[in-house]
Amino acid sequence: MKQPIVQIKNLKKIIGKKVIIDGLTFDIYPGEVFGFLGPNGAGKTTTIRMMFGLASITEGEIYIKGLNIKKDYEAAISHVGGIVENPEMYNFMSGYKNLVHYARMHKGITRERIDQVIRLVGLEARIRDKVKTYSLGMRQRLGLAQALLHSPSLLILDEPTNGLDPAGIRELRDYFRKLAREENIAVFVSSHLLSEMELMCDRVGIIQNGKLIDIKTVNELLNNTVDKDTPVVFTVDPVSNAVDCISQLGIGHSGLNNETGTIQIVLDREKVPQVVAKFVQEGIKVYGVQTQSVSLEDKFLEMTGGNKIV
């Protein structure tokens, strides 16, 4: 069993009489991308600020590589790199000079390590150009390189894809997964783009009103939907006969489209073959059967009572 990089134990944050974070407990492991989801005001940013040591902890503990963030701050934070929204750079300097400047702030960062990180984030072709000529996606990659210079065990990313176009988002998503896999670091990411989190993360933790609702792998979360009440779309001809057919089986439909020849039925997945067999028996042509999969967004809204994530 892997030892966790991060251990959060009964974490609480109280401001005045208001409980912002209420007893969070979870671990994050090397080699995984851990997604942190919650509606606006749920406590995501406050948790991240406490992990960085930028906000005080009312109760509970945060350990990074076994080091207590309160008692051994400098030693614990030395294992952490991060990007919080858009990283700030010196625009008049080249990307390479920016990295050399930041490298001076940490002991033991060699030119070889700088070159290695540049290759890792794919900036070899433009690293000698001034940062003011960089696109937003290139700035994000340079920020990622900066965060990785000191070989952290934990990378914390708060809304890392803000302002990026779809190609840039996909590019960064692939880098984060590559980093977790090849560098064996723990990547902790908070984002409002649920479709991206679904593709990027190994596990997700969902927080609401400062409390942890659940932690599951993305597959567990999406496959945890009970087989009953699964929306299934049948492409058939003629649709009117199909409607009569399912009514004979005591099944209703939740939608139909005569133009596309589709009918949606919500039923137990095990009954799909029975419906298809009935259609064929009645001479109805079946051109397609598609189970509507549940997305992370669907599951999130279900678990948080419809609250939107921001």
Protein backbone atom coordinates (compact mmCIF):
# COMPACT_ATOMS: atom_id res chain seq x y z
CA MET A 1 0.00 0.00 0.00
CA LYS A 2 1.36 3.41 -0.99
CA GLN A 3 2.03 5.93 1.75
CA PRO A 4 -0.11 9.07 1.26
CA ILE A 5 1.59 12.30 0.24
CA VAL A 6 -1.14 14.33 1.94
CA GLN A 7 -3.09 13.45 5.07
CA ILE A 8 -5.91 15.77 6.10
CA LYS A 9 -7.38 14.88 9.48
CA ASN A 10 -10.56 16.39 10.96
CA LEU A 11 -9.78 19.78 9.40
CA LYS A 12 -11.89 22.69 10.62
CA LYS A 13 -11.98 26.40 9.85
CA ILE A 14 -14.23 28.68 11.91
CA ILE A 15 -14.45 32.43 11.32
CA GLY A 16 -16.42 34.17 14.06
CA LYS A 17 -19.36 31.87 14.61
CA LYS A 18 -19.42 30.57 11.05
CA VAL A 19 -18.08 27.07 10.31
CA ILE A 20 -16.36 27.29 6.90
CA ILE A 21 -14.70 23.84 6.90
CA ASP A 22 -16.27 21.13 9.04
CA GLY A 23 -14.17 18.06 9.82
CA LEU A 24 -12.55 17.20 6.45
CA THR A 25 -10.59 13.94 6.48
CA PHE A 26 -8.97 12.41 3.38
CA ASP A 27 -5.63 11.25 1.95
CA ILE A 28 -3.97 11.91 -1.42
CA TYR A 29 -1.52 9.39 -2.89
CA PRO A 30 1.51 9.63 -5.20
CA GLY A 31 0.80 9.05 -8.88
CA GLU A 32 -2.85 10.14 -8.74
CA VAL A 33 -4.78 13.17 -9.93
CA PHE A 34 -7.24 14.05 -7.16
CA GLY A 35 -10.16 16.32 -8.08
CA PHE A 36 -11.74 18.62 -5.50
CA LEU A 37 -15.32 19.57 -6.38
CA GLY A 38 -17.95 21.67 -4.69
CA PRO A 39 -20.56 24.37 -5.28
CA ASN A 40 -19.66 28.03 -4.93
CA GLY A 41 -18.90 28.78 -1.27
CA ALA A 42 -18.46 25.11 -0.33
CA GLY A 43 -14.96 25.69 1.08
CA LYS A 44 -12.64 24.59 -1.75
CA THR A 45 -10.45 27.70 -1.82
CA THR A 46 -10.29 27.88 1.99
CA THR A 47 -9.07 24.27 2.08
CA ILE A 48 -6.43 25.01 -0.56
CA ARG A 49 -5.28 28.11 1.35
CA MET A 50 -4.84 25.98 4.49
CA MET A 51 -2.88 23.38 2.49
CA PHE A 52 -0.54 26.15 1.31
CA GLY A 53 -0.26 27.52 4.84
CA LEU A 54 -1.89 30.79 3.73
CA ALA A 55 -4.84 30.45 6.14
CA SER A 56 -4.79 29.37 9.76
CA ILE A 57 -6.27 26.05 10.86
CA THR A 58 -8.89 26.22 13.63
CA GLU A 59 -8.78 22.49 14.41
CA GLY A 60 -7.32 19.35 12.85
CA GLU A 61 -4.07 18.62 11.06
CA ILE A 62 -2.57 18.66 7.57
CA TYR A 63 0.46 16.43 6.93
CA ILE A 64 2.56 16.62 3.77
CA LYS A 65 4.97 13.69 3.48
CA GLY A 66 4.44 13.11 7.20
CA LEU A 67 5.32 16.71 8.12
CA ASN A 68 2.78 18.80 10.02
CA ILE A 69 2.01 22.01 8.11
CA LYS A 70 1.55 23.90 11.41
CA LYS A 71 4.61 22.64 13.27
CA ASP A 72 7.09 22.06 10.41
CA TYR A 73 5.86 24.62 7.87
CA GLU A 74 9.09 25.21 5.92
CA ALA A 75 9.94 21.52 5.67
CA ALA A 76 6.36 20.57 4.71
CA ILE A 77 5.88 23.34 2.13
CA SER A 78 9.20 22.47 0.47
CA HIS A 79 7.41 19.40 -0.95
CA VAL A 80 4.63 21.52 -2.53
CA GLY A 81 4.37 23.25 -5.91
CA GLY A 82 1.32 25.06 -7.18
CA ILE A 83 -0.53 27.14 -9.73
CA VAL A 84 -3.33 29.37 -8.45
CA GLU A 85 -5.24 30.60 -11.51
CA ASN A 86 -2.91 32.56 -13.85
CA PRO A 87 0.76 32.50 -12.79
CA GLU A 88 2.58 35.84 -12.63
CA MET A 89 5.77 36.15 -14.69
CA TYR A 90 8.31 38.81 -15.63
CA ASN A 91 7.09 39.75 -19.11
CA PHE A 92 10.31 41.54 -20.15
CA MET A 93 12.38 38.40 -19.52
CA SER A 94 12.51 35.17 -21.50
CA GLY A 95 10.82 32.06 -20.19
CA TYR A 96 14.24 30.57 -19.51
CA LYS A 97 15.43 33.59 -17.49
CA ASN A 98 12.21 33.47 -15.47
CA LEU A 99 12.95 29.86 -14.54
CA VAL A 100 16.59 30.65 -13.67
CA HIS A 101 15.37 33.50 -11.45
CA TYR A 102 12.93 31.24 -9.60
CA ALA A 103 15.53 28.47 -9.36
CA ARG A 104 17.76 30.79 -7.30
CA MET A 105 15.10 30.78 -4.57
CA HIS A 106 15.63 27.04 -3.94
CA LYS A 107 18.82 25.18 -3.15
CA GLY A 108 20.07 22.46 -5.41
CA ILE A 109 18.18 23.24 -8.65
CA THR A 110 20.63 22.57 -11.46
CA ARG A 111 20.63 23.74 -15.09
CA GLU A 112 19.97 20.10 -15.98
CA ARG A 113 16.78 20.16 -13.87
CA ILE A 114 15.66 23.39 -15.57
CA ASP A 115 16.18 21.79 -19.00
CA GLN A 116 14.39 18.63 -17.88
CA VAL A 117 11.32 20.58 -16.73
CA ILE A 118 11.28 22.63 -19.96
CA ARG A 119 11.14 19.36 -21.94
CA LEU A 120 8.50 17.95 -19.60
CA VAL A 121 6.08 20.82 -20.27
CA GLY A 122 6.95 21.03 -23.98
CA LEU A 123 8.35 24.58 -24.13
CA GLU A 124 11.71 23.84 -25.80
CA ALA A 125 10.89 25.79 -28.98
CA ARG A 126 9.84 29.03 -27.25
CA ILE A 127 11.69 29.05 -23.92
CA ARG A 128 14.21 31.71 -25.09
CA ASP A 129 11.44 34.08 -26.22
CA LYS A 130 10.19 36.87 -23.97
CA VAL A 131 7.17 35.97 -21.88
CA LYS A 132 5.21 38.95 -23.27
CA THR A 133 5.02 37.05 -26.58
CA TYR A 134 3.52 33.92 -24.95
CA SER A 135 -0.08 32.84 -25.32
CA LEU A 136 -2.09 32.14 -22.16
CA GLY A 137 -1.56 28.40 -22.61
CA MET A 138 2.21 28.89 -22.86
CA ARG A 139 2.18 31.03 -19.71
CA GLN A 140 0.32 28.24 -17.91
CA ARG A 141 2.95 25.75 -19.05
CA LEU A 142 5.73 28.07 -17.87
CA GLY A 143 3.94 28.39 -14.53
CA LEU A 144 3.76 24.62 -14.36
CA ALA A 145 7.49 24.39 -15.10
CA GLN A 146 8.17 26.89 -12.32
CA ALA A 147 6.04 24.88 -9.87
CA LEU A 148 7.95 21.69 -10.76
CA LEU A 149 11.51 23.06 -10.56
CA HIS A 150 12.16 21.89 -7.00
CA SER A 151 10.75 18.39 -7.69
CA PRO A 152 7.69 18.65 -5.41
CA SER A 153 5.81 15.60 -4.18
CA LEU A 154 2.50 17.49 -4.32
CA LEU A 155 1.21 19.82 -7.04
CA ILE A 156 -1.80 21.96 -6.06
CA LEU A 157 -3.76 23.48 -8.94
CA ASP A 158 -6.61 25.93 -8.32
CA GLU A 159 -8.57 26.56 -11.54
CA PRO A 160 -5.49 25.86 -13.70
CA THR A 161 -7.37 26.04 -17.01
CA ASN A 162 -9.01 29.45 -16.47
CA GLY A 163 -9.13 31.41 -19.71
CA LEU A 164 -7.75 28.64 -21.92
CA ASP A 165 -9.31 27.56 -25.20
CA PRO A 166 -10.37 23.88 -25.62
CA ALA A 167 -7.02 22.91 -27.20
CA GLY A 168 -5.10 24.51 -24.32
CA ILE A 169 -7.31 22.82 -21.73
CA ARG A 170 -6.77 19.42 -23.32
CA GLU A 171 -3.02 20.04 -23.53
CA LEU A 172 -2.74 20.92 -19.82
CA ARG A 173 -4.99 18.01 -18.84
CA ASP A 174 -2.65 15.62 -20.65
CA TYR A 175 0.39 17.18 -18.93
CA PHE A 176 -1.14 16.77 -15.47
CA ARG A 177 -1.86 13.10 -16.07
CA LYS A 178 1.63 12.62 -17.51
CA LEU A 179 3.19 14.31 -14.47
CA ALA A 180 1.31 12.14 -12.02
CA ARG A 181 2.27 9.01 -13.93
CA GLU A 182 5.89 9.76 -14.87
CA GLU A 183 7.00 11.89 -11.90
CA ASN A 184 4.91 9.86 -9.40
CA ILE A 185 3.65 13.03 -7.74
CA ALA A 186 0.23 13.72 -6.26
CA VAL A 187 -1.76 16.26 -8.28
CA PHE A 188 -4.55 18.03 -6.38
CA VAL A 189 -6.81 20.02 -8.71
CA SER A 190 -9.86 22.19 -8.12
CA SER A 191 -11.86 23.24 -11.18
CA HIS A 192 -15.38 24.16 -12.22
CA LEU A 193 -15.03 22.34 -15.58
CA LEU A 194 -16.63 19.04 -14.62
CA SER A 195 -16.25 17.48 -18.06
CA GLU A 196 -12.49 18.06 -17.83
CA MET A 197 -12.31 16.74 -14.26
CA GLU A 198 -14.04 13.58 -15.45
CA LEU A 199 -11.28 13.03 -18.04
CA MET A 200 -8.40 14.18 -15.86
CA CYS A 201 -8.93 12.76 -12.37
CA ASP A 202 -8.41 9.33 -10.86
CA ARG A 203 -10.45 10.15 -7.75
CA VAL A 204 -12.72 13.02 -6.80
CA GLY A 205 -13.78 14.41 -3.44
CA ILE A 206 -17.05 16.34 -3.28
CA ILE A 207 -17.45 19.04 -0.65
CA GLN A 208 -20.63 20.91 0.28
CA ASN A 209 -21.15 23.44 3.07
CA GLY A 210 -17.65 22.68 4.35
CA LYS A 211 -18.33 18.95 4.72
CA LEU A 212 -16.99 16.09 2.62
CA ILE A 213 -19.92 14.30 0.97
CA ASP A 214 -17.98 11.47 -0.68
CA ILE A 215 -14.68 10.38 -2.20
CA LYS A 216 -14.66 7.85 -5.04
CA THR A 217 -12.75 7.01 -8.16
CA VAL A 218 -14.36 8.58 -11.23
CA ASN A 219 -15.32 5.09 -12.47
CA GLU A 220 -16.93 4.17 -9.14
CA LEU A 221 -18.85 7.43 -9.08
CA LEU A 222 -20.17 7.08 -12.62
CA ASN A 223 -20.80 3.34 -12.44
CA ASN A 224 -22.50 3.61 -9.06
CA THR A 225 -25.76 4.37 -10.79
CA VAL A 226 -28.16 1.50 -10.13
CA ASP A 227 -29.09 -0.45 -13.24
CA LYS A 228 -32.75 0.41 -12.68
CA ASP A 229 -34.13 3.61 -14.20
CA THR A 230 -31.50 3.85 -16.94
CA PRO A 231 -32.47 6.13 -19.87
CA VAL A 232 -32.26 4.12 -23.12
CA VAL A 233 -32.78 5.60 -26.60
CA PHE A 234 -34.15 3.25 -29.30
CA THR A 235 -33.94 4.21 -32.98
CA VAL A 236 -36.91 2.44 -34.59
CA ASP A 237 -39.35 2.50 -37.50
CA PRO A 238 -42.22 3.17 -37.20
CA VAL A 239 -42.11 5.08 -33.90
CA SER A 240 -45.90 5.00 -33.43
CA ASN A 241 -45.91 1.19 -33.45
CA ALA A 242 -43.04 1.14 -30.95
CA VAL A 243 -45.06 3.34 -28.58
CA ASP A 244 -48.00 0.91 -28.78
CA CYS A 245 -45.63 -2.01 -28.29
CA ILE A 246 -44.04 -0.75 -25.07
CA SER A 247 -47.44 0.22 -23.66
CA GLN A 248 -48.43 -3.44 -24.04
CA LEU A 249 -45.40 -4.26 -21.87
CA GLY A 250 -46.56 -1.75 -19.26
CA ILE A 251 -43.65 0.59 -19.98
CA GLY A 252 -43.99 4.33 -20.54
CA HIS A 253 -41.67 6.56 -22.54
CA SER A 254 -39.97 9.81 -21.46
CA GLY A 255 -39.62 11.28 -24.93
CA LEU A 256 -39.94 10.57 -28.64
CA ASN A 257 -38.91 12.23 -31.89
CA ASN A 258 -40.75 11.23 -35.06
CA GLU A 259 -38.25 13.03 -37.30
CA THR A 260 -35.22 11.10 -36.03
CA GLY A 261 -37.20 7.92 -35.33
CA THR A 262 -36.10 7.78 -31.69
CA ILE A 263 -37.93 6.93 -28.51
CA GLN A 264 -36.45 7.24 -25.02
CA ILE A 265 -37.49 4.77 -22.36
CA VAL A 266 -36.44 4.79 -18.71
CA LEU A 267 -36.23 1.18 -17.59
CA ASP A 268 -34.21 -1.49 -15.86
CA ARG A 269 -31.17 -2.21 -18.05
CA GLU A 270 -31.89 -5.95 -17.81
CA LYS A 271 -35.19 -5.37 -19.65
CA VAL A 272 -33.55 -3.90 -22.78
CA PRO A 273 -33.27 -7.30 -24.58
CA GLN A 274 -36.94 -7.99 -23.77
CA VAL A 275 -37.99 -4.69 -25.39
CA VAL A 276 -35.83 -5.31 -28.48
CA ALA A 277 -37.24 -8.83 -28.83
CA LYS A 278 -40.80 -7.45 -28.59
CA PHE A 279 -40.07 -4.84 -31.28
CA VAL A 280 -38.67 -7.50 -33.64
CA GLN A 281 -41.61 -9.79 -32.93
CA GLU A 282 -44.03 -6.99 -33.89
CA GLY A 283 -42.16 -6.28 -37.13
CA ILE A 284 -40.66 -2.98 -35.93
CA LYS A 285 -37.23 -2.23 -37.38
CA VAL A 286 -34.58 -1.54 -34.71
CA TYR A 287 -31.68 0.56 -36.02
CA GLY A 288 -29.98 1.35 -32.74
CA VAL A 289 -30.06 1.03 -28.95
CA GLN A 290 -28.09 3.51 -26.87
CA THR A 291 -27.84 3.66 -23.10
CA GLN A 292 -27.53 7.25 -21.90
CA SER A 293 -24.42 7.36 -19.72
CA VAL A 294 -24.30 9.44 -16.55
CA SER A 295 -21.70 12.21 -16.58
CA LEU A 296 -19.73 13.55 -13.63
CA GLU A 297 -21.80 16.72 -13.92
CA ASP A 298 -25.05 14.71 -13.63
CA LYS A 299 -23.70 12.87 -10.61
CA PHE A 300 -22.39 16.05 -9.00
CA LEU A 301 -25.73 17.84 -9.37
CA GLU A 302 -27.53 14.78 -8.00
CA MET A 303 -25.24 14.58 -4.95
CA THR A 304 -25.35 18.31 -4.17
CA GLY A 305 -29.07 18.76 -4.74
CA GLY A 306 -28.69 20.66 -8.00
CA ASN A 307 -26.19 23.26 -6.78
CA LYS A 308 -24.01 24.56 -9.57
CA ILE A 309 -20.26 24.46 -9.29
CA VAL A 310 -18.41 27.75 -9.73
